[in-house]
Amino acid sequence: MSKSVGIVWSHISSIEGLALWFADNVKEEGTKITFSWGDIWTAMEERSAEILEMEKYQYVRLKWDDDSEDDTYWEMKIQKGDETDSLHLVITDFAEKHEVQAAKEMWNENMEKLHKASGI
């Protein structure tokens, strides 16, 4: 395992790592993770997700508690490039058709935050 994989893994699989780039505050109770964004004194959003699957140094798959669809989830998966040994974080996230652009923008912003937080 490369050092980069370990760094990315710690940022996508731990509450401490997720709090550095994904949400302002992250709490964990068993397999349930609660994310919050914003300030409690102004506008704050809070959402919870259940960890469906996790394979160390490979991927984390979660499902939002407020998602009523049975077959939807969001996933962060570490992949190495075939030819260059470059590291890729592949995001799978289900969205309604009218929400796709906003989801892409949100993940692009989060990837910038992850790059800054991880240093890679």
N, C-alpha and C. Protein backbone atom coordinates (compact mmCIF):
# COMPACT_ATOMS: atom_id res chain seq x y z
N MET A 1 0.83 -1.18 0.00
CA MET A 1 0.00 0.00 0.00
C MET A 1 0.88 1.25 0.00
N SER A 2 0.53 2.20 -0.82
CA SER A 2 1.31 3.44 -0.88
C SER A 2 0.87 4.40 0.22
N LYS A 3 1.75 5.33 0.52
CA LYS A 3 1.45 6.34 1.52
C LYS A 3 0.22 7.16 1.10
N SER A 4 0.11 7.46 -0.19
CA SER A 4 -1.02 8.24 -0.69
C SER A 4 -2.35 7.52 -0.45
N VAL A 5 -2.38 6.21 -0.67
CA VAL A 5 -3.61 5.45 -0.44
C VAL A 5 -4.00 5.54 1.04
N GLY A 6 -3.03 5.42 1.92
CA GLY A 6 -3.31 5.52 3.35
C GLY A 6 -3.85 6.88 3.74
N ILE A 7 -3.30 7.92 3.15
CA ILE A 7 -3.77 9.28 3.45
C ILE A 7 -5.20 9.46 2.96
N VAL A 8 -5.46 9.09 1.72
CA VAL A 8 -6.83 9.23 1.19
C VAL A 8 -7.79 8.38 2.00
N TRP A 9 -7.39 7.14 2.32
CA TRP A 9 -8.27 6.27 3.10
C TRP A 9 -8.65 6.91 4.44
N SER A 10 -7.68 7.48 5.11
CA SER A 10 -7.98 8.09 6.41
C SER A 10 -8.93 9.28 6.27
N HIS A 11 -8.89 9.96 5.13
CA HIS A 11 -9.76 11.11 4.90
C HIS A 11 -11.17 10.71 4.49
N ILE A 12 -11.36 9.51 3.95
CA ILE A 12 -12.71 9.11 3.53
C ILE A 12 -13.37 8.11 4.48
N SER A 13 -12.61 7.56 5.42
CA SER A 13 -13.17 6.49 6.24
C SER A 13 -13.25 6.81 7.73
N SER A 14 -12.70 7.92 8.16
CA SER A 14 -12.73 8.25 9.59
C SER A 14 -13.50 9.55 9.80
N ILE A 15 -14.09 9.68 10.98
CA ILE A 15 -14.82 10.91 11.25
C ILE A 15 -13.88 12.11 11.30
N GLU A 16 -12.66 11.89 11.80
CA GLU A 16 -11.69 12.98 11.83
C GLU A 16 -11.30 13.41 10.42
N GLY A 17 -11.10 12.44 9.54
CA GLY A 17 -10.74 12.76 8.16
C GLY A 17 -11.88 13.44 7.42
N LEU A 18 -13.09 12.94 7.57
CA LEU A 18 -14.25 13.53 6.89
C LEU A 18 -14.50 14.96 7.37
N ALA A 19 -14.23 15.23 8.64
CA ALA A 19 -14.43 16.57 9.18
C ALA A 19 -13.43 17.58 8.61
N LEU A 20 -12.35 17.11 8.02
CA LEU A 20 -11.36 18.01 7.42
C LEU A 20 -11.79 18.53 6.05
N TRP A 21 -12.73 17.83 5.38
CA TRP A 21 -13.04 18.25 4.01
C TRP A 21 -14.51 18.08 3.62
N PHE A 22 -15.22 17.14 4.21
CA PHE A 22 -16.57 16.84 3.74
C PHE A 22 -17.66 17.61 4.49
N ALA A 23 -17.51 17.76 5.78
CA ALA A 23 -18.52 18.44 6.60
C ALA A 23 -17.83 19.23 7.70
N ASP A 24 -18.56 20.17 8.28
CA ASP A 24 -18.00 20.97 9.36
C ASP A 24 -17.88 20.17 10.66
N ASN A 25 -18.81 19.25 10.84
CA ASN A 25 -18.79 18.41 12.04
C ASN A 25 -19.26 17.01 11.65
N VAL A 26 -18.61 16.00 12.21
CA VAL A 26 -18.95 14.61 11.90
C VAL A 26 -18.99 13.83 13.20
N LYS A 27 -20.09 13.10 13.42
CA LYS A 27 -20.23 12.26 14.61
C LYS A 27 -20.55 10.84 14.15
N GLU A 28 -20.09 9.87 14.92
CA GLU A 28 -20.32 8.47 14.58
C GLU A 28 -20.92 7.73 15.77
N GLU A 29 -21.96 6.96 15.49
CA GLU A 29 -22.56 6.08 16.49
C GLU A 29 -22.76 4.72 15.82
N GLY A 30 -21.86 3.79 16.09
CA GLY A 30 -21.93 2.49 15.43
C GLY A 30 -21.68 2.65 13.94
N THR A 31 -22.67 2.22 13.13
CA THR A 31 -22.54 2.36 11.68
C THR A 31 -23.25 3.60 11.15
N LYS A 32 -23.74 4.45 12.03
CA LYS A 32 -24.42 5.68 11.63
C LYS A 32 -23.47 6.86 11.79
N ILE A 33 -23.38 7.67 10.73
CA ILE A 33 -22.55 8.87 10.75
C ILE A 33 -23.46 10.07 10.54
N THR A 34 -23.30 11.07 11.39
CA THR A 34 -24.08 12.30 11.26
C THR A 34 -23.14 13.42 10.83
N PHE A 35 -23.52 14.07 9.74
CA PHE A 35 -22.74 15.16 9.17
C PHE A 35 -23.50 16.46 9.40
N SER A 36 -22.78 17.52 9.73
CA SER A 36 -23.44 18.83 9.81
C SER A 36 -22.57 19.87 9.11
N TRP A 37 -23.27 20.82 8.52
CA TRP A 37 -22.64 21.91 7.78
C TRP A 37 -23.20 23.22 8.29
N GLY A 38 -22.36 24.22 8.40
CA GLY A 38 -22.81 25.54 8.84
C GLY A 38 -22.57 25.76 10.32
N ASP A 39 -23.13 26.82 10.80
CA ASP A 39 -22.94 27.26 12.17
C ASP A 39 -24.26 27.12 12.92
N ILE A 40 -24.19 26.61 14.16
CA ILE A 40 -25.43 26.42 14.92
C ILE A 40 -26.15 27.73 15.20
N TRP A 41 -25.45 28.84 15.11
CA TRP A 41 -26.07 30.14 15.38
C TRP A 41 -26.73 30.74 14.15
N THR A 42 -26.44 30.18 12.99
CA THR A 42 -27.05 30.70 11.76
C THR A 42 -27.79 29.54 11.09
N ALA A 43 -27.48 29.27 9.85
CA ALA A 43 -28.13 28.17 9.13
C ALA A 43 -27.26 26.93 9.22
N MET A 44 -27.83 25.87 9.77
CA MET A 44 -27.08 24.62 9.89
C MET A 44 -27.90 23.50 9.27
N GLU A 45 -27.22 22.68 8.48
CA GLU A 45 -27.86 21.50 7.88
C GLU A 45 -27.24 20.27 8.51
N GLU A 46 -28.07 19.28 8.80
CA GLU A 46 -27.58 18.04 9.37
C GLU A 46 -28.22 16.87 8.64
N ARG A 47 -27.39 15.90 8.27
CA ARG A 47 -27.87 14.67 7.62
C ARG A 47 -27.11 13.49 8.19
N SER A 48 -27.80 12.36 8.24
CA SER A 48 -27.18 11.14 8.74
C SER A 48 -27.17 10.08 7.64
N ALA A 49 -26.14 9.25 7.70
CA ALA A 49 -26.00 8.17 6.73
C ALA A 49 -25.58 6.90 7.46
N GLU A 50 -25.99 5.78 6.92
CA GLU A 50 -25.62 4.47 7.45
C GLU A 50 -24.50 3.91 6.59
N ILE A 51 -23.47 3.36 7.21
CA ILE A 51 -22.41 2.70 6.45
C ILE A 51 -22.96 1.34 6.00
N LEU A 52 -23.06 1.15 4.69
CA LEU A 52 -23.55 -0.11 4.14
C LEU A 52 -22.43 -1.13 3.99
N GLU A 53 -21.31 -0.67 3.46
CA GLU A 53 -20.15 -1.53 3.24
C GLU A 53 -18.88 -0.70 3.36
N MET A 54 -17.82 -1.37 3.78
CA MET A 54 -16.52 -0.72 3.83
C MET A 54 -15.45 -1.79 3.66
N GLU A 55 -14.56 -1.57 2.72
CA GLU A 55 -13.43 -2.47 2.54
C GLU A 55 -12.17 -1.61 2.68
N LYS A 56 -11.37 -1.93 3.69
CA LYS A 56 -10.22 -1.11 4.04
C LYS A 56 -9.31 -0.84 2.84
N TYR A 57 -8.96 0.41 2.68
CA TYR A 57 -8.10 0.93 1.61
C TYR A 57 -8.73 0.81 0.23
N GLN A 58 -10.04 0.50 0.16
CA GLN A 58 -10.69 0.39 -1.14
C GLN A 58 -11.91 1.30 -1.28
N TYR A 59 -12.93 1.12 -0.44
CA TYR A 59 -14.13 1.93 -0.61
C TYR A 59 -14.96 2.00 0.66
N VAL A 60 -15.80 3.03 0.69
CA VAL A 60 -16.81 3.21 1.73
C VAL A 60 -18.12 3.47 0.99
N ARG A 61 -19.17 2.72 1.33
CA ARG A 61 -20.49 2.89 0.72
C ARG A 61 -21.48 3.24 1.82
N LEU A 62 -22.20 4.35 1.63
CA LEU A 62 -23.15 4.83 2.62
C LEU A 62 -24.51 5.09 2.00
N LYS A 63 -25.51 5.18 2.84
CA LYS A 63 -26.87 5.51 2.39
C LYS A 63 -27.43 6.57 3.33
N TRP A 64 -27.91 7.66 2.74
CA TRP A 64 -28.54 8.71 3.54
C TRP A 64 -29.79 8.16 4.21
N ASP A 65 -29.98 8.49 5.48
CA ASP A 65 -31.17 8.03 6.22
C ASP A 65 -32.47 8.53 5.62
N ASP A 66 -32.44 9.72 5.03
CA ASP A 66 -33.67 10.29 4.46
C ASP A 66 -33.91 9.87 3.01
N ASP A 67 -33.12 8.95 2.49
CA ASP A 67 -33.29 8.46 1.12
C ASP A 67 -34.22 7.25 1.14
N SER A 68 -35.37 7.39 0.50
CA SER A 68 -36.38 6.33 0.55
C SER A 68 -36.18 5.25 -0.51
N GLU A 69 -35.32 5.50 -1.50
CA GLU A 69 -35.07 4.51 -2.54
C GLU A 69 -34.20 3.38 -1.99
N ASP A 70 -34.59 2.14 -2.22
CA ASP A 70 -33.86 0.99 -1.69
C ASP A 70 -32.49 0.78 -2.34
N ASP A 71 -32.37 1.09 -3.62
CA ASP A 71 -31.15 0.74 -4.36
C ASP A 71 -30.19 1.91 -4.57
N THR A 72 -30.33 2.96 -3.78
CA THR A 72 -29.43 4.10 -3.93
C THR A 72 -28.44 4.16 -2.76
N TYR A 73 -27.30 4.74 -3.04
CA TYR A 73 -26.24 4.89 -2.05
C TYR A 73 -25.27 5.93 -2.57
N TRP A 74 -24.27 6.27 -1.77
CA TRP A 74 -23.15 7.07 -2.26
C TRP A 74 -21.88 6.39 -1.80
N GLU A 75 -20.89 6.46 -2.65
CA GLU A 75 -19.68 5.67 -2.43
C GLU A 75 -18.45 6.48 -2.79
N MET A 76 -17.40 6.28 -2.01
CA MET A 76 -16.08 6.85 -2.30
C MET A 76 -15.13 5.67 -2.43
N LYS A 77 -14.56 5.51 -3.63
CA LYS A 77 -13.74 4.34 -3.95
C LYS A 77 -12.37 4.77 -4.45
N ILE A 78 -11.34 4.18 -3.85
CA ILE A 78 -9.96 4.47 -4.25
C ILE A 78 -9.57 3.51 -5.37
N GLN A 79 -9.09 4.06 -6.49
CA GLN A 79 -8.61 3.23 -7.59
C GLN A 79 -7.26 3.75 -8.06
N LYS A 80 -6.42 2.81 -8.46
CA LYS A 80 -5.12 3.18 -9.06
C LYS A 80 -5.26 3.12 -10.57
N GLY A 81 -4.63 4.08 -11.24
CA GLY A 81 -4.63 4.08 -12.69
C GLY A 81 -3.86 2.89 -13.24
N ASP A 82 -4.34 2.32 -14.32
CA ASP A 82 -3.71 1.14 -14.91
C ASP A 82 -2.32 1.43 -15.45
N GLU A 83 -2.17 2.54 -16.14
CA GLU A 83 -0.92 2.80 -16.85
C GLU A 83 0.06 3.68 -16.07
N THR A 84 -0.45 4.55 -15.22
CA THR A 84 0.44 5.54 -14.61
C THR A 84 0.61 5.38 -13.11
N ASP A 85 -0.08 4.46 -12.49
CA ASP A 85 -0.05 4.30 -11.04
C ASP A 85 -0.60 5.52 -10.31
N SER A 86 -1.35 6.36 -11.04
CA SER A 86 -1.95 7.52 -10.40
C SER A 86 -3.13 7.06 -9.54
N LEU A 87 -3.46 7.88 -8.56
CA LEU A 87 -4.52 7.55 -7.63
C LEU A 87 -5.78 8.31 -8.01
N HIS A 88 -6.92 7.62 -7.99
CA HIS A 88 -8.21 8.24 -8.33
C HIS A 88 -9.19 7.96 -7.20
N LEU A 89 -9.99 8.96 -6.87
CA LEU A 89 -11.09 8.74 -5.95
C LEU A 89 -12.36 8.81 -6.78
N VAL A 90 -13.01 7.68 -6.93
CA VAL A 90 -14.21 7.57 -7.77
C VAL A 90 -15.43 7.74 -6.87
N ILE A 91 -16.27 8.70 -7.21
CA ILE A 91 -17.48 8.97 -6.44
C ILE A 91 -18.69 8.44 -7.20
N THR A 92 -19.51 7.69 -6.50
CA THR A 92 -20.81 7.27 -7.03
C THR A 92 -21.86 7.91 -6.13
N ASP A 93 -22.77 8.65 -6.73
CA ASP A 93 -23.81 9.32 -5.95
C ASP A 93 -25.06 9.38 -6.81
N PHE A 94 -26.15 8.86 -6.30
CA PHE A 94 -27.41 8.88 -7.03
C PHE A 94 -28.11 10.21 -6.80
N ALA A 95 -28.68 10.78 -7.86
CA ALA A 95 -29.38 12.05 -7.76
C ALA A 95 -30.54 12.08 -8.74
N GLU A 96 -31.56 12.84 -8.38
CA GLU A 96 -32.67 13.07 -9.30
C GLU A 96 -32.14 13.87 -10.49
N LYS A 97 -32.78 13.73 -11.62
CA LYS A 97 -32.29 14.38 -12.84
C LYS A 97 -32.06 15.88 -12.64
N HIS A 98 -32.97 16.54 -11.96
CA HIS A 98 -32.84 17.99 -11.76
C HIS A 98 -31.78 18.36 -10.72
N GLU A 99 -31.22 17.36 -10.02
CA GLU A 99 -30.20 17.61 -9.00
C GLU A 99 -28.79 17.24 -9.44
N VAL A 100 -28.65 16.67 -10.64
CA VAL A 100 -27.36 16.15 -11.09
C VAL A 100 -26.29 17.24 -11.15
N GLN A 101 -26.59 18.38 -11.73
CA GLN A 101 -25.59 19.45 -11.86
C GLN A 101 -25.15 19.95 -10.49
N ALA A 102 -26.09 20.14 -9.58
CA ALA A 102 -25.73 20.59 -8.23
C ALA A 102 -24.86 19.55 -7.52
N ALA A 103 -25.17 18.28 -7.72
CA ALA A 103 -24.36 17.21 -7.10
C ALA A 103 -22.95 17.22 -7.66
N LYS A 104 -22.80 17.40 -8.97
CA LYS A 104 -21.47 17.46 -9.58
C LYS A 104 -20.67 18.63 -9.02
N GLU A 105 -21.31 19.78 -8.91
CA GLU A 105 -20.64 20.96 -8.38
C GLU A 105 -20.22 20.75 -6.93
N MET A 106 -21.10 20.14 -6.13
CA MET A 106 -20.80 19.87 -4.73
C MET A 106 -19.60 18.94 -4.62
N TRP A 107 -19.59 17.87 -5.41
CA TRP A 107 -18.46 16.93 -5.34
C TRP A 107 -17.17 17.56 -5.85
N ASN A 108 -17.24 18.39 -6.89
CA ASN A 108 -16.04 19.08 -7.37
C ASN A 108 -15.46 19.99 -6.28
N GLU A 109 -16.32 20.72 -5.59
CA GLU A 109 -15.86 21.57 -4.49
C GLU A 109 -15.25 20.73 -3.37
N ASN A 110 -15.89 19.60 -3.06
CA ASN A 110 -15.37 18.72 -2.02
C ASN A 110 -14.02 18.13 -2.40
N MET A 111 -13.83 17.82 -3.68
CA MET A 111 -12.53 17.28 -4.11
C MET A 111 -11.43 18.31 -3.93
N GLU A 112 -11.74 19.58 -4.20
CA GLU A 112 -10.76 20.64 -3.96
C GLU A 112 -10.40 20.71 -2.47
N LYS A 113 -11.41 20.61 -1.61
CA LYS A 113 -11.17 20.63 -0.16
C LYS A 113 -10.34 19.41 0.26
N LEU A 114 -10.63 18.25 -0.32
CA LEU A 114 -9.89 17.05 0.00
C LEU A 114 -8.42 17.17 -0.41
N HIS A 115 -8.17 17.71 -1.60
CA HIS A 115 -6.79 17.94 -2.05
C HIS A 115 -6.03 18.82 -1.06
N LYS A 116 -6.67 19.89 -0.62
CA LYS A 116 -6.02 20.81 0.34
C LYS A 116 -5.80 20.14 1.68
N ALA A 117 -6.82 19.41 2.15
CA ALA A 117 -6.72 18.77 3.48
C ALA A 117 -5.69 17.65 3.50
N SER A 118 -5.60 16.90 2.40
CA SER A 118 -4.71 15.74 2.37
C SER A 118 -3.29 16.09 1.92
N GLY A 119 -3.15 17.18 1.21
CA GLY A 119 -1.84 17.55 0.70
C GLY A 119 -1.42 16.77 -0.54
N ILE A 120 -2.35 16.00 -1.09
CA ILE A 120 -2.02 15.25 -2.32
C ILE A 120 -3.04 15.53 -3.41
